[in-house]
Amino acid sequence: MCTSIQGALVSPALFEEPLIYASAENNVKARLFSDLVRGAVEEYSYDAELAGLQNNISLDSRGLFLDANGYNDKLPVLLEQVVTTMRDLDINEDRYEIIKERLTRGEDALKATDMVESIMKPRVLPKAQWPILRSLIVTESSNYVFRKTIKYPANVNHCVETWFYVGSREDRDVRTKTRLLDQMLHEPAFDQLRTKEQLEFLDSRIEAFLMRYADTLEKMSKTEFEDHKRSLIVRRLEKLIKLDQESQQNWSEIESEEYDFEFPQRDAARIRQLTKAEIVDFFNQKKADEKLSPGDAMKTAEEITDVGLYKAGLAASSGARSVKDITIYNPPFDSPTLS
């Protein structure tokens, strides 16, 4: 499928292959293949990037995903080269051994887990006794203020931090719409509140800005809207440079018990589908829920003086909902393999 947006061409392609995750052997073969293809296209990818063209090959839950995009009429040529390379891949033995060694080192890291288990000899709790991680639910349409004393009295600067509850982060639809709104609001909010008004982020001006932005959003051109989507997708799919970044990202999914390790790709796929009408409706609904009116928030806000007491009065959520129940994942030994 190709999509053109004012000179920009986006050409995603999904090669569906359900057997990729049917067994560990299949998954390793698929990872080796995708890494080998990426290495093979590097020789012309650099020149393509200088010309404003980009391509990426990755695995997702359905198969092999190829994404090519750019502002250049040579994109079809690049796409043809990449697809031809995939079809006629000439495997360099030295390159293969390097990639294989890299993947092997990654798997060797699992031995550290075995070492910890052999020393501690833990006994797994029955699932019914697992502690449930819960979040506190803020009352709908509630309005609170918490005043915090600046740590250093000599500091003459003051600040206000405003939070709006829009829904659960587990809800991909809510999460992606909120992230897209953040992408849209970031620059105009700073420009209006900090550069033009220079009001040091007074709460009433924040509310006034959000009320006015509804009109800005309504009048936003399709081109500008798609530019925001594309920028957010690029950020979501940005490759992590450091190992500790990837480790922290994956560990965050384990700690939250959501296990959505492919959330950047899944979020990007949902962002591609979002329409301007959806975002306008979402923004207006949340604005209505907050009952925004300049200056009213602070007047009607209930002041929190004891955080512990405030939390004690809130209801708790039902707990995290994992994307996949990893406790039941047990691939059979006779799983089909890729030829």
C-alpha atoms as a PDB file:
ATOM      1  CA  MET A   1       0.000   0.000   0.000  1.00  0.00           C
ATOM      2  CA  CYS A   2       1.366   3.443  -0.970  1.00  0.00           C
ATOM      3  CA  THR A   3       0.184   6.747   0.487  1.00  0.00           C
ATOM      4  CA  SER A   4       1.124  10.143  -0.920  1.00  0.00           C
ATOM      5  CA  ILE A   5       0.972  13.323   1.178  1.00  0.00           C
ATOM      6  CA  GLN A   6       2.068  16.504  -0.657  1.00  0.00           C
ATOM      7  CA  GLY A   7       5.105  15.001  -2.301  1.00  0.00           C
ATOM      8  CA  ALA A   8       5.821  12.536   0.484  1.00  0.00           C
ATOM      9  CA  LEU A   9       5.387   8.879  -0.334  1.00  0.00           C
ATOM     10  CA  VAL A  10       4.877   6.251   2.352  1.00  0.00           C
ATOM     11  CA  SER A  11       4.958   2.635   1.284  1.00  0.00           C
ATOM     12  CA  PRO A  12       4.459   0.076   4.073  1.00  0.00           C
ATOM     13  CA  ALA A  13       4.311  -3.627   3.224  1.00  0.00           C
ATOM     14  CA  LEU A  14       3.506  -6.518   5.541  1.00  0.00           C
ATOM     15  CA  PHE A  15       4.586 -10.021   4.542  1.00  0.00           C
ATOM     16  CA  GLU A  16       2.311 -12.125   6.716  1.00  0.00           C
ATOM     17  CA  GLU A  17       3.895 -15.333   7.975  1.00  0.00           C
ATOM     18  CA  PRO A  18       2.182 -16.810  11.045  1.00  0.00           C
ATOM     19  CA  LEU A  19       4.868 -19.490  11.385  1.00  0.00           C
ATOM     20  CA  ILE A  20       7.430 -16.900  12.515  1.00  0.00           C
ATOM     21  CA  TYR A  21       6.286 -17.245  16.127  1.00  0.00           C
ATOM     22  CA  ALA A  22       5.177 -20.873  15.889  1.00  0.00           C
ATOM     23  CA  SER A  23       8.470 -22.085  17.351  1.00  0.00           C
ATOM     24  CA  ALA A  24      11.759 -20.790  18.710  1.00  0.00           C
ATOM     25  CA  GLU A  25      13.558 -22.157  15.641  1.00  0.00           C
ATOM     26  CA  ASN A  26      11.294 -20.236  13.283  1.00  0.00           C
ATOM     27  CA  ASN A  27      11.715 -17.032  15.246  1.00  0.00           C
ATOM     28  CA  VAL A  28      15.514 -17.307  15.212  1.00  0.00           C
ATOM     29  CA  LYS A  29      15.487 -17.913  11.450  1.00  0.00           C
ATOM     30  CA  ALA A  30      13.254 -14.888  10.913  1.00  0.00           C
ATOM     31  CA  ARG A  31      15.472 -12.678  13.077  1.00  0.00           C
ATOM     32  CA  LEU A  32      18.573 -13.836  11.215  1.00  0.00           C
ATOM     33  CA  PHE A  33      16.892 -13.205   7.866  1.00  0.00           C
ATOM     34  CA  SER A  34      15.693  -9.686   8.736  1.00  0.00           C
ATOM     35  CA  ASP A  35      19.121  -8.729  10.127  1.00  0.00           C
ATOM     36  CA  LEU A  36      20.856 -10.117   7.027  1.00  0.00           C
ATOM     37  CA  VAL A  37      18.538  -8.148   4.739  1.00  0.00           C
ATOM     38  CA  ARG A  38      19.163  -4.961   6.716  1.00  0.00           C
ATOM     39  CA  GLY A  39      22.893  -5.532   6.378  1.00  0.00           C
ATOM     40  CA  ALA A  40      22.602  -6.203   2.644  1.00  0.00           C
ATOM     41  CA  VAL A  41      20.677  -2.985   1.931  1.00  0.00           C
ATOM     42  CA  GLU A  42      23.082  -0.826   3.952  1.00  0.00           C
ATOM     43  CA  GLU A  43      25.345  -0.383   0.922  1.00  0.00           C
ATOM     44  CA  TYR A  44      22.732   1.769  -0.806  1.00  0.00           C
ATOM     45  CA  SER A  45      20.660   2.865   2.200  1.00  0.00           C
ATOM     46  CA  TYR A  46      23.177   5.556   3.187  1.00  0.00           C
ATOM     47  CA  ASP A  47      22.974   7.299  -0.196  1.00  0.00           C
ATOM     48  CA  ALA A  48      19.199   6.933  -0.081  1.00  0.00           C
ATOM     49  CA  GLU A  49      19.056   8.654   3.328  1.00  0.00           C
ATOM     50  CA  LEU A  50      21.094  11.561   1.951  1.00  0.00           C
ATOM     51  CA  ALA A  51      18.424  11.863  -0.750  1.00  0.00           C
ATOM     52  CA  GLY A  52      15.660  11.969   1.858  1.00  0.00           C
ATOM     53  CA  LEU A  53      14.608   8.330   1.599  1.00  0.00           C
ATOM     54  CA  GLN A  54      14.287   5.894   4.481  1.00  0.00           C
ATOM     55  CA  ASN A  55      13.534   2.213   4.810  1.00  0.00           C
ATOM     56  CA  ASN A  56      13.244  -0.208   7.690  1.00  0.00           C
ATOM     57  CA  ILE A  57      12.707  -3.954   7.955  1.00  0.00           C
ATOM     58  CA  SER A  58      11.394  -5.416  11.193  1.00  0.00           C
ATOM     59  CA  LEU A  59       9.416  -8.300  12.657  1.00  0.00           C
ATOM     60  CA  ASP A  60       6.024  -7.916  14.236  1.00  0.00           C
ATOM     61  CA  SER A  61       3.435 -10.351  15.552  1.00  0.00           C
ATOM     62  CA  ARG A  62       2.082 -11.055  12.058  1.00  0.00           C
ATOM     63  CA  GLY A  63       5.203 -11.367   9.961  1.00  0.00           C
ATOM     64  CA  LEU A  64       7.891  -9.272   8.281  1.00  0.00           C
ATOM     65  CA  PHE A  65       7.204  -5.536   8.030  1.00  0.00           C
ATOM     66  CA  LEU A  66       8.843  -3.330   5.389  1.00  0.00           C
ATOM     67  CA  ASP A  67       8.468   0.443   5.619  1.00  0.00           C
ATOM     68  CA  ALA A  68       9.827   2.866   2.999  1.00  0.00           C
ATOM     69  CA  ASN A  69       9.130   6.593   2.906  1.00  0.00           C
ATOM     70  CA  GLY A  70      10.488   9.923   1.729  1.00  0.00           C
ATOM     71  CA  TYR A  71      10.059  13.098  -0.344  1.00  0.00           C
ATOM     72  CA  ASN A  72      11.668  11.831  -3.524  1.00  0.00           C
ATOM     73  CA  ASP A  73      10.378  10.343  -6.767  1.00  0.00           C
ATOM     74  CA  LYS A  74      13.144   7.738  -6.502  1.00  0.00           C
ATOM     75  CA  LEU A  75      11.361   5.948  -3.664  1.00  0.00           C
ATOM     76  CA  PRO A  76       9.907   3.280  -6.004  1.00  0.00           C
ATOM     77  CA  VAL A  77      13.474   2.541  -7.149  1.00  0.00           C
ATOM     78  CA  LEU A  78      14.636   2.090  -3.548  1.00  0.00           C
ATOM     79  CA  LEU A  79      11.604  -0.041  -2.744  1.00  0.00           C
ATOM     80  CA  GLU A  80      12.308  -2.269  -5.750  1.00  0.00           C
ATOM     81  CA  GLN A  81      15.944  -2.688  -4.675  1.00  0.00           C
ATOM     82  CA  VAL A  82      14.969  -3.659  -1.132  1.00  0.00           C
ATOM     83  CA  VAL A  83      12.303  -6.156  -2.223  1.00  0.00           C
ATOM     84  CA  THR A  84      14.668  -7.653  -4.813  1.00  0.00           C
ATOM     85  CA  THR A  85      17.350  -7.999  -2.122  1.00  0.00           C
ATOM     86  CA  MET A  86      14.846  -9.819   0.087  1.00  0.00           C
ATOM     87  CA  ARG A  87      13.965 -12.200  -2.728  1.00  0.00           C
ATOM     88  CA  ASP A  88      17.517 -12.839  -3.971  1.00  0.00           C
ATOM     89  CA  LEU A  89      19.395 -12.504  -0.683  1.00  0.00           C
ATOM     90  CA  ASP A  90      23.031 -13.483  -1.133  1.00  0.00           C
ATOM     91  CA  ILE A  91      24.182 -14.480   2.332  1.00  0.00           C
ATOM     92  CA  ASN A  92      27.720 -13.389   3.131  1.00  0.00           C
ATOM     93  CA  GLU A  93      29.239 -16.045   5.397  1.00  0.00           C
ATOM     94  CA  ASP A  94      31.263 -13.587   7.484  1.00  0.00           C
ATOM     95  CA  ARG A  95      28.271 -11.297   7.925  1.00  0.00           C
ATOM     96  CA  TYR A  96      26.110 -14.273   8.878  1.00  0.00           C
ATOM     97  CA  GLU A  97      28.541 -15.354  11.604  1.00  0.00           C
ATOM     98  CA  ILE A  98      28.676 -11.804  13.026  1.00  0.00           C
ATOM     99  CA  ILE A  99      24.881 -11.543  13.217  1.00  0.00           C
ATOM    100  CA  LYS A 100      24.579 -15.048  14.627  1.00  0.00           C
ATOM    101  CA  GLU A 101      27.178 -14.258  17.296  1.00  0.00           C
ATOM    102  CA  ARG A 102      25.342 -11.054  18.219  1.00  0.00           C
ATOM    103  CA  LEU A 103      22.044 -12.897  18.652  1.00  0.00           C
ATOM    104  CA  THR A 104      23.788 -15.655  20.610  1.00  0.00           C
ATOM    105  CA  ARG A 105      25.301 -13.137  23.033  1.00  0.00           C
ATOM    106  CA  GLY A 106      21.832 -11.750  23.588  1.00  0.00           C
ATOM    107  CA  GLU A 107      20.531 -15.213  24.462  1.00  0.00           C
ATOM    108  CA  ASP A 108      23.546 -15.863  26.712  1.00  0.00           C
ATOM    109  CA  ALA A 109      22.322 -13.036  28.939  1.00  0.00           C
ATOM    110  CA  LEU A 110      19.517 -15.385  30.012  1.00  0.00           C
ATOM    111  CA  LYS A 111      22.118 -17.512  31.795  1.00  0.00           C
ATOM    112  CA  ALA A 112      22.289 -14.796  34.461  1.00  0.00           C
ATOM    113  CA  THR A 113      18.676 -15.599  35.321  1.00  0.00           C
ATOM    114  CA  ASP A 114      19.526 -19.280  35.674  1.00  0.00           C
ATOM    115  CA  MET A 115      22.419 -18.366  37.964  1.00  0.00           C
ATOM    116  CA  VAL A 116      20.182 -16.296  40.268  1.00  0.00           C
ATOM    117  CA  GLU A 117      17.581 -19.068  40.409  1.00  0.00           C
ATOM    118  CA  SER A 118      20.197 -21.730  41.162  1.00  0.00           C
ATOM    119  CA  ILE A 119      21.488 -19.693  44.119  1.00  0.00           C
ATOM    120  CA  MET A 120      18.194 -18.460  45.568  1.00  0.00           C
ATOM    121  CA  LYS A 121      16.147 -21.571  44.698  1.00  0.00           C
ATOM    122  CA  PRO A 122      12.862 -19.614  44.676  1.00  0.00           C
ATOM    123  CA  ARG A 123       9.477 -21.285  44.917  1.00  0.00           C
ATOM    124  CA  VAL A 124       6.835 -19.791  42.660  1.00  0.00           C
ATOM    125  CA  LEU A 125       3.672 -18.616  44.370  1.00  0.00           C
ATOM    126  CA  PRO A 126       0.381 -20.031  43.087  1.00  0.00           C
ATOM    127  CA  LYS A 127      -1.117 -17.567  40.624  1.00  0.00           C
ATOM    128  CA  ALA A 128      -4.034 -16.909  42.989  1.00  0.00           C
ATOM    129  CA  GLN A 129      -1.541 -15.505  45.524  1.00  0.00           C
ATOM    130  CA  TRP A 130       0.298 -13.186  43.148  1.00  0.00           C
ATOM    131  CA  PRO A 131       0.132  -9.567  44.397  1.00  0.00           C
ATOM    132  CA  ILE A 132      -1.938  -7.354  42.117  1.00  0.00           C
ATOM    133  CA  LEU A 133      -0.496  -4.024  41.023  1.00  0.00           C
ATOM    134  CA  ARG A 134      -3.259  -1.456  41.218  1.00  0.00           C
ATOM    135  CA  SER A 135      -3.602   2.212  40.360  1.00  0.00           C
ATOM    136  CA  LEU A 136      -5.694   4.757  42.204  1.00  0.00           C
ATOM    137  CA  ILE A 137      -8.671   6.106  40.267  1.00  0.00           C
ATOM    138  CA  VAL A 138      -9.166   9.861  40.406  1.00  0.00           C
ATOM    139  CA  THR A 139     -12.826  10.808  40.724  1.00  0.00           C
ATOM    140  CA  GLU A 140     -14.338  11.928  37.417  1.00  0.00           C
ATOM    141  CA  SER A 141     -14.609  15.732  36.964  1.00  0.00           C
ATOM    142  CA  SER A 142     -12.753  16.267  40.251  1.00  0.00           C
ATOM    143  CA  ASN A 143     -10.438  19.235  40.711  1.00  0.00           C
ATOM    144  CA  TYR A 144      -7.579  19.321  43.207  1.00  0.00           C
ATOM    145  CA  VAL A 145      -4.628  21.539  43.990  1.00  0.00           C
ATOM    146  CA  PHE A 146      -1.509  20.652  45.974  1.00  0.00           C
ATOM    147  CA  ARG A 147       0.858  23.422  47.018  1.00  0.00           C
ATOM    148  CA  LYS A 148       4.485  22.465  47.459  1.00  0.00           C
ATOM    149  CA  THR A 149       7.119  24.654  49.090  1.00  0.00           C
ATOM    150  CA  ILE A 150      10.180  25.302  46.963  1.00  0.00           C
ATOM    151  CA  LYS A 151      13.183  23.434  48.325  1.00  0.00           C
ATOM    152  CA  TYR A 152      15.451  26.476  48.237  1.00  0.00           C
ATOM    153  CA  PRO A 153      13.754  29.608  49.696  1.00  0.00           C
ATOM    154  CA  ALA A 154      16.247  31.888  47.936  1.00  0.00           C
ATOM    155  CA  ASN A 155      14.911  30.742  44.569  1.00  0.00           C
ATOM    156  CA  VAL A 156      12.493  33.427  43.373  1.00  0.00           C
ATOM    157  CA  ASN A 157      11.102  31.272  40.557  1.00  0.00           C
ATOM    158  CA  HIS A 158       7.704  29.664  40.910  1.00  0.00           C
ATOM    159  CA  CYS A 159       5.945  27.095  38.759  1.00  0.00           C
ATOM    160  CA  VAL A 160       2.651  25.335  38.272  1.00  0.00           C
ATOM    161  CA  GLU A 161       2.222  21.796  36.965  1.00  0.00           C
ATOM    162  CA  THR A 162      -1.191  20.933  35.582  1.00  0.00           C
ATOM    163  CA  TRP A 163      -2.377  17.352  35.119  1.00  0.00           C
ATOM    164  CA  PHE A 164      -5.455  16.235  33.220  1.00  0.00           C
ATOM    165  CA  TYR A 165      -6.648  12.665  33.636  1.00  0.00           C
ATOM    166  CA  VAL A 166      -7.786  11.324  30.257  1.00  0.00           C
ATOM    167  CA  GLY A 167      -7.949   7.568  30.843  1.00  0.00           C
ATOM    168  CA  SER A 168      -5.936   4.421  31.366  1.00  0.00           C
ATOM    169  CA  ARG A 169      -2.512   4.124  29.738  1.00  0.00           C
ATOM    170  CA  GLU A 170      -3.379   0.478  29.045  1.00  0.00           C
ATOM    171  CA  ASP A 171      -6.004   1.681  26.562  1.00  0.00           C
ATOM    172  CA  ARG A 172      -4.047   1.946  23.300  1.00  0.00           C
ATOM    173  CA  ASP A 173      -6.684   4.161  21.696  1.00  0.00           C
ATOM    174  CA  VAL A 174      -6.584   6.671  24.558  1.00  0.00           C
ATOM    175  CA  ARG A 175      -2.797   6.471  24.777  1.00  0.00           C
ATOM    176  CA  THR A 176      -2.138   7.136  21.087  1.00  0.00           C
ATOM    177  CA  LYS A 177      -4.663   9.974  20.875  1.00  0.00           C
ATOM    178  CA  THR A 178      -3.139  11.598  23.950  1.00  0.00           C
ATOM    179  CA  ARG A 179       0.369  11.274  22.539  1.00  0.00           C
ATOM    180  CA  LEU A 180      -0.739  12.819  19.250  1.00  0.00           C
ATOM    181  CA  LEU A 181      -2.348  15.733  21.102  1.00  0.00           C
ATOM    182  CA  ASP A 182       0.883  16.161  23.070  1.00  0.00           C
ATOM    183  CA  GLN A 183       2.777  16.295  19.774  1.00  0.00           C
ATOM    184  CA  MET A 184       0.411  19.001  18.497  1.00  0.00           C
ATOM    185  CA  LEU A 185       0.234  21.062  21.707  1.00  0.00           C
ATOM    186  CA  HIS A 186       3.900  21.096  22.698  1.00  0.00           C
ATOM    187  CA  GLU A 187       5.230  23.882  20.472  1.00  0.00           C
ATOM    188  CA  PRO A 188       2.190  26.236  20.474  1.00  0.00           C
ATOM    189  CA  ALA A 189       1.839  25.928  24.267  1.00  0.00           C
ATOM    190  CA  PHE A 190       5.453  26.948  24.845  1.00  0.00           C
ATOM    191  CA  ASP A 191       5.230  29.711  22.238  1.00  0.00           C
ATOM    192  CA  GLN A 192       2.012  31.204  23.640  1.00  0.00           C
ATOM    193  CA  LEU A 193       2.505  30.794  27.380  1.00  0.00           C
ATOM    194  CA  ARG A 194       6.234  31.266  27.709  1.00  0.00           C
ATOM    195  CA  THR A 195       7.350  33.353  24.732  1.00  0.00           C
ATOM    196  CA  LYS A 196       4.393  35.626  23.967  1.00  0.00           C
ATOM    197  CA  GLU A 197       2.514  35.998  27.237  1.00  0.00           C
ATOM    198  CA  GLN A 198       5.466  35.438  29.594  1.00  0.00           C
ATOM    199  CA  LEU A 199       3.035  34.864  32.438  1.00  0.00           C
ATOM    200  CA  GLU A 200       5.141  32.208  34.114  1.00  0.00           C
ATOM    201  CA  PHE A 201       2.572  29.520  33.391  1.00  0.00           C
ATOM    202  CA  LEU A 202      -0.329  30.924  35.432  1.00  0.00           C
ATOM    203  CA  ASP A 203      -3.070  28.337  35.742  1.00  0.00           C
ATOM    204  CA  SER A 204      -5.842  30.504  34.264  1.00  0.00           C
ATOM    205  CA  ARG A 205      -3.815  31.105  31.105  1.00  0.00           C
ATOM    206  CA  ILE A 206      -3.217  27.375  30.700  1.00  0.00           C
ATOM    207  CA  GLU A 207      -6.970  26.807  30.757  1.00  0.00           C
ATOM    208  CA  ALA A 208      -7.556  29.711  28.345  1.00  0.00           C
ATOM    209  CA  PHE A 209      -4.954  28.331  25.955  1.00  0.00           C
ATOM    210  CA  LEU A 210      -6.597  24.900  25.914  1.00  0.00           C
ATOM    211  CA  MET A 211     -10.004  26.434  25.243  1.00  0.00           C
ATOM    212  CA  ARG A 212      -8.646  28.425  22.284  1.00  0.00           C
ATOM    213  CA  TYR A 213      -6.754  25.447  20.915  1.00  0.00           C
ATOM    214  CA  ALA A 214     -10.039  23.703  20.104  1.00  0.00           C
ATOM    215  CA  ASP A 215     -10.541  26.227  17.267  1.00  0.00           C
ATOM    216  CA  THR A 216      -6.939  25.783  16.128  1.00  0.00           C
ATOM    217  CA  LEU A 217      -7.464  22.044  15.957  1.00  0.00           C
ATOM    218  CA  GLU A 218     -10.693  22.428  13.974  1.00  0.00           C
ATOM    219  CA  LYS A 219      -8.964  24.657  11.396  1.00  0.00           C
ATOM    220  CA  MET A 220      -5.813  22.527  11.114  1.00  0.00           C
ATOM    221  CA  SER A 221      -5.130  21.452   7.532  1.00  0.00           C
ATOM    222  CA  LYS A 222      -4.945  17.801   6.593  1.00  0.00           C
ATOM    223  CA  THR A 223      -1.307  18.277   5.582  1.00  0.00           C
ATOM    224  CA  GLU A 224      -0.345  19.700   8.982  1.00  0.00           C
ATOM    225  CA  PHE A 225      -2.280  16.953  10.762  1.00  0.00           C
ATOM    226  CA  GLU A 226      -0.510  14.235   8.768  1.00  0.00           C
ATOM    227  CA  ASP A 227       2.844  15.909   9.455  1.00  0.00           C
ATOM    228  CA  HIS A 228       2.171  15.642  13.193  1.00  0.00           C
ATOM    229  CA  LYS A 229       1.248  11.972  12.804  1.00  0.00           C
ATOM    230  CA  ARG A 230       4.393  11.252  10.829  1.00  0.00           C
ATOM    231  CA  SER A 231       6.616  13.041  13.372  1.00  0.00           C
ATOM    232  CA  LEU A 232       5.080  11.079  16.240  1.00  0.00           C
ATOM    233  CA  ILE A 233       5.448   7.768  14.389  1.00  0.00           C
ATOM    234  CA  VAL A 234       9.123   8.499  13.729  1.00  0.00           C
ATOM    235  CA  ARG A 235       9.632   9.206  17.443  1.00  0.00           C
ATOM    236  CA  ARG A 236       7.784   6.058  18.508  1.00  0.00           C
ATOM    237  CA  LEU A 237       9.839   3.889  16.144  1.00  0.00           C
ATOM    238  CA  GLU A 238      13.156   5.594  16.862  1.00  0.00           C
ATOM    239  CA  LYS A 239      15.792   2.956  17.458  1.00  0.00           C
ATOM    240  CA  LEU A 240      17.206   2.872  20.969  1.00  0.00           C
ATOM    241  CA  ILE A 241      20.897   3.719  20.900  1.00  0.00           C
ATOM    242  CA  LYS A 242      22.035   2.335  24.239  1.00  0.00           C
ATOM    243  CA  LEU A 243      21.533  -1.117  25.702  1.00  0.00           C
ATOM    244  CA  ASP A 244      20.349   0.310  29.015  1.00  0.00           C
ATOM    245  CA  GLN A 245      17.558   2.192  27.182  1.00  0.00           C
ATOM    246  CA  GLU A 246      16.249  -1.021  25.663  1.00  0.00           C
ATOM    247  CA  SER A 247      16.649  -2.840  28.964  1.00  0.00           C
ATOM    248  CA  GLN A 248      14.753  -0.120  30.831  1.00  0.00           C
ATOM    249  CA  GLN A 249      11.954  -0.125  28.245  1.00  0.00           C
ATOM    250  CA  ASN A 250      11.496  -3.895  28.429  1.00  0.00           C
ATOM    251  CA  TRP A 251      11.784  -3.988  32.213  1.00  0.00           C
ATOM    252  CA  SER A 252       9.091  -1.320  32.457  1.00  0.00           C
ATOM    253  CA  GLU A 253       6.706  -3.678  30.638  1.00  0.00           C
ATOM    254  CA  ILE A 254       7.612  -6.488  33.045  1.00  0.00           C
ATOM    255  CA  GLU A 255       7.117  -4.285  36.108  1.00  0.00           C
ATOM    256  CA  SER A 256       3.732  -3.061  34.864  1.00  0.00           C
ATOM    257  CA  GLU A 257       2.746  -6.674  34.069  1.00  0.00           C
ATOM    258  CA  GLU A 258       1.420  -5.566  30.678  1.00  0.00           C
ATOM    259  CA  TYR A 259       4.139  -7.394  28.691  1.00  0.00           C
ATOM    260  CA  ASP A 260       3.472  -5.217  25.643  1.00  0.00           C
ATOM    261  CA  PHE A 261       7.043  -5.457  24.377  1.00  0.00           C
ATOM    262  CA  GLU A 262       6.015  -4.439  20.860  1.00  0.00           C
ATOM    263  CA  PHE A 263       4.112  -1.342  21.997  1.00  0.00           C
ATOM    264  CA  PRO A 264       6.116   1.122  19.811  1.00  0.00           C
ATOM    265  CA  GLN A 265       5.152  -0.793  16.665  1.00  0.00           C
ATOM    266  CA  ARG A 266       1.573  -1.349  17.825  1.00  0.00           C
ATOM    267  CA  ASP A 267       1.188   2.311  18.817  1.00  0.00           C
ATOM    268  CA  ALA A 268       2.622   3.463  15.483  1.00  0.00           C
ATOM    269  CA  ALA A 269       0.144   1.259  13.617  1.00  0.00           C
ATOM    270  CA  ARG A 270      -2.768   2.805  15.555  1.00  0.00           C
ATOM    271  CA  ILE A 271      -1.447   6.354  15.034  1.00  0.00           C
ATOM    272  CA  ARG A 272      -1.396   5.769  11.267  1.00  0.00           C
ATOM    273  CA  GLN A 273      -5.132   5.029  11.427  1.00  0.00           C
ATOM    274  CA  LEU A 274      -6.125   8.108  13.449  1.00  0.00           C
ATOM    275  CA  THR A 275      -8.169  10.764  11.672  1.00  0.00           C
ATOM    276  CA  LYS A 276      -8.488  14.451  12.406  1.00  0.00           C
ATOM    277  CA  ALA A 277     -12.180  13.981  13.252  1.00  0.00           C
ATOM    278  CA  GLU A 278     -11.263  11.406  15.920  1.00  0.00           C
ATOM    279  CA  ILE A 279      -8.746  13.758  17.544  1.00  0.00           C
ATOM    280  CA  VAL A 280     -11.140  16.726  17.454  1.00  0.00           C
ATOM    281  CA  ASP A 281     -13.879  14.638  19.111  1.00  0.00           C
ATOM    282  CA  PHE A 282     -11.423  13.277  21.688  1.00  0.00           C
ATOM    283  CA  PHE A 283     -10.097  16.737  22.574  1.00  0.00           C
ATOM    284  CA  ASN A 284     -13.548  18.316  22.814  1.00  0.00           C
ATOM    285  CA  GLN A 285     -14.844  15.462  24.971  1.00  0.00           C
ATOM    286  CA  LYS A 286     -11.954  15.712  27.420  1.00  0.00           C
ATOM    287  CA  LYS A 287     -12.289  19.491  27.475  1.00  0.00           C
ATOM    288  CA  ALA A 288     -15.982  19.109  28.295  1.00  0.00           C
ATOM    289  CA  ASP A 289     -15.192  16.557  31.014  1.00  0.00           C
ATOM    290  CA  GLU A 290     -12.806  19.028  32.635  1.00  0.00           C
ATOM    291  CA  LYS A 291     -15.392  21.856  32.347  1.00  0.00           C
ATOM    292  CA  LEU A 292     -12.545  24.218  31.496  1.00  0.00           C
ATOM    293  CA  SER A 293     -13.140  27.900  32.130  1.00  0.00           C
ATOM    294  CA  PRO A 294     -10.283  30.391  32.651  1.00  0.00           C
ATOM    295  CA  GLY A 295      -9.674  30.989  36.339  1.00  0.00           C
ATOM    296  CA  ASP A 296     -12.375  28.633  37.592  1.00  0.00           C
ATOM    297  CA  ALA A 297     -10.091  25.657  38.209  1.00  0.00           C
ATOM    298  CA  MET A 298      -8.229  27.251  41.116  1.00  0.00           C
ATOM    299  CA  LYS A 299     -11.413  28.778  42.544  1.00  0.00           C
ATOM    300  CA  THR A 300     -13.245  25.461  42.697  1.00  0.00           C
ATOM    301  CA  ALA A 301     -10.248  23.235  43.453  1.00  0.00           C
ATOM    302  CA  GLU A 302     -10.151  21.232  46.658  1.00  0.00           C
ATOM    303  CA  GLU A 303      -6.775  21.697  48.304  1.00  0.00           C
ATOM    304  CA  ILE A 304      -4.838  18.569  49.256  1.00  0.00           C
ATOM    305  CA  THR A 305      -2.926  19.023  52.506  1.00  0.00           C
ATOM    306  CA  ASP A 306      -2.370  15.371  53.433  1.00  0.00           C
ATOM    307  CA  VAL A 307      -1.406  13.259  50.408  1.00  0.00           C
ATOM    308  CA  GLY A 308      -1.729   9.982  52.315  1.00  0.00           C
ATOM    309  CA  LEU A 309      -5.228  10.827  53.502  1.00  0.00           C
ATOM    310  CA  TYR A 310      -6.222  11.883  49.986  1.00  0.00           C
ATOM    311  CA  LYS A 311      -5.001   8.594  48.491  1.00  0.00           C
ATOM    312  CA  ALA A 312      -6.799   6.599  51.172  1.00  0.00           C
ATOM    313  CA  GLY A 313     -10.103   7.963  49.916  1.00  0.00           C
ATOM    314  CA  LEU A 314      -9.600   6.860  46.306  1.00  0.00           C
ATOM    315  CA  ALA A 315     -10.808   3.621  44.746  1.00  0.00           C
ATOM    316  CA  ALA A 316      -8.262   1.194  43.283  1.00  0.00           C
ATOM    317  CA  SER A 317      -8.236  -0.192  39.758  1.00  0.00           C
ATOM    318  CA  SER A 318      -8.708  -3.865  38.962  1.00  0.00           C
ATOM    319  CA  GLY A 319      -5.018  -4.312  38.175  1.00  0.00           C
ATOM    320  CA  ALA A 320      -2.880  -4.518  35.059  1.00  0.00           C
ATOM    321  CA  ARG A 321      -4.164  -6.331  31.992  1.00  0.00           C
ATOM    322  CA  SER A 322      -1.365  -8.058  30.121  1.00  0.00           C
ATOM    323  CA  VAL A 323      -1.322  -8.087  26.340  1.00  0.00           C
ATOM    324  CA  LYS A 324      -0.617 -11.810  26.461  1.00  0.00           C
ATOM    325  CA  ASP A 325      -0.859 -14.285  29.330  1.00  0.00           C
ATOM    326  CA  ILE A 326       2.740 -15.486  29.316  1.00  0.00           C
ATOM    327  CA  THR A 327       1.987 -18.186  31.889  1.00  0.00           C
ATOM    328  CA  ILE A 328       0.111 -20.241  29.296  1.00  0.00           C
ATOM    329  CA  TYR A 329       2.654 -19.834  26.508  1.00  0.00           C
ATOM    330  CA  ASN A 330       4.123 -23.267  25.938  1.00  0.00           C
ATOM    331  CA  PRO A 331       4.902 -23.960  22.260  1.00  0.00           C
ATOM    332  CA  PRO A 332       4.637 -27.651  21.302  1.00  0.00           C
ATOM    333  CA  PHE A 333       7.781 -29.512  20.341  1.00  0.00           C
ATOM    334  CA  ASP A 334       6.325 -30.523  16.987  1.00  0.00           C
ATOM    335  CA  SER A 335       5.663 -26.923  15.875  1.00  0.00           C
ATOM    336  CA  PRO A 336       5.908 -26.430  12.098  1.00  0.00           C
ATOM    337  CA  THR A 337       9.148 -24.879  10.897  1.00  0.00           C
ATOM    338  CA  LEU A 338      10.054 -22.489   8.125  1.00  0.00           C
ATOM    339  CA  SER A 339      11.759 -24.060   5.167  1.00  0.00           C
END
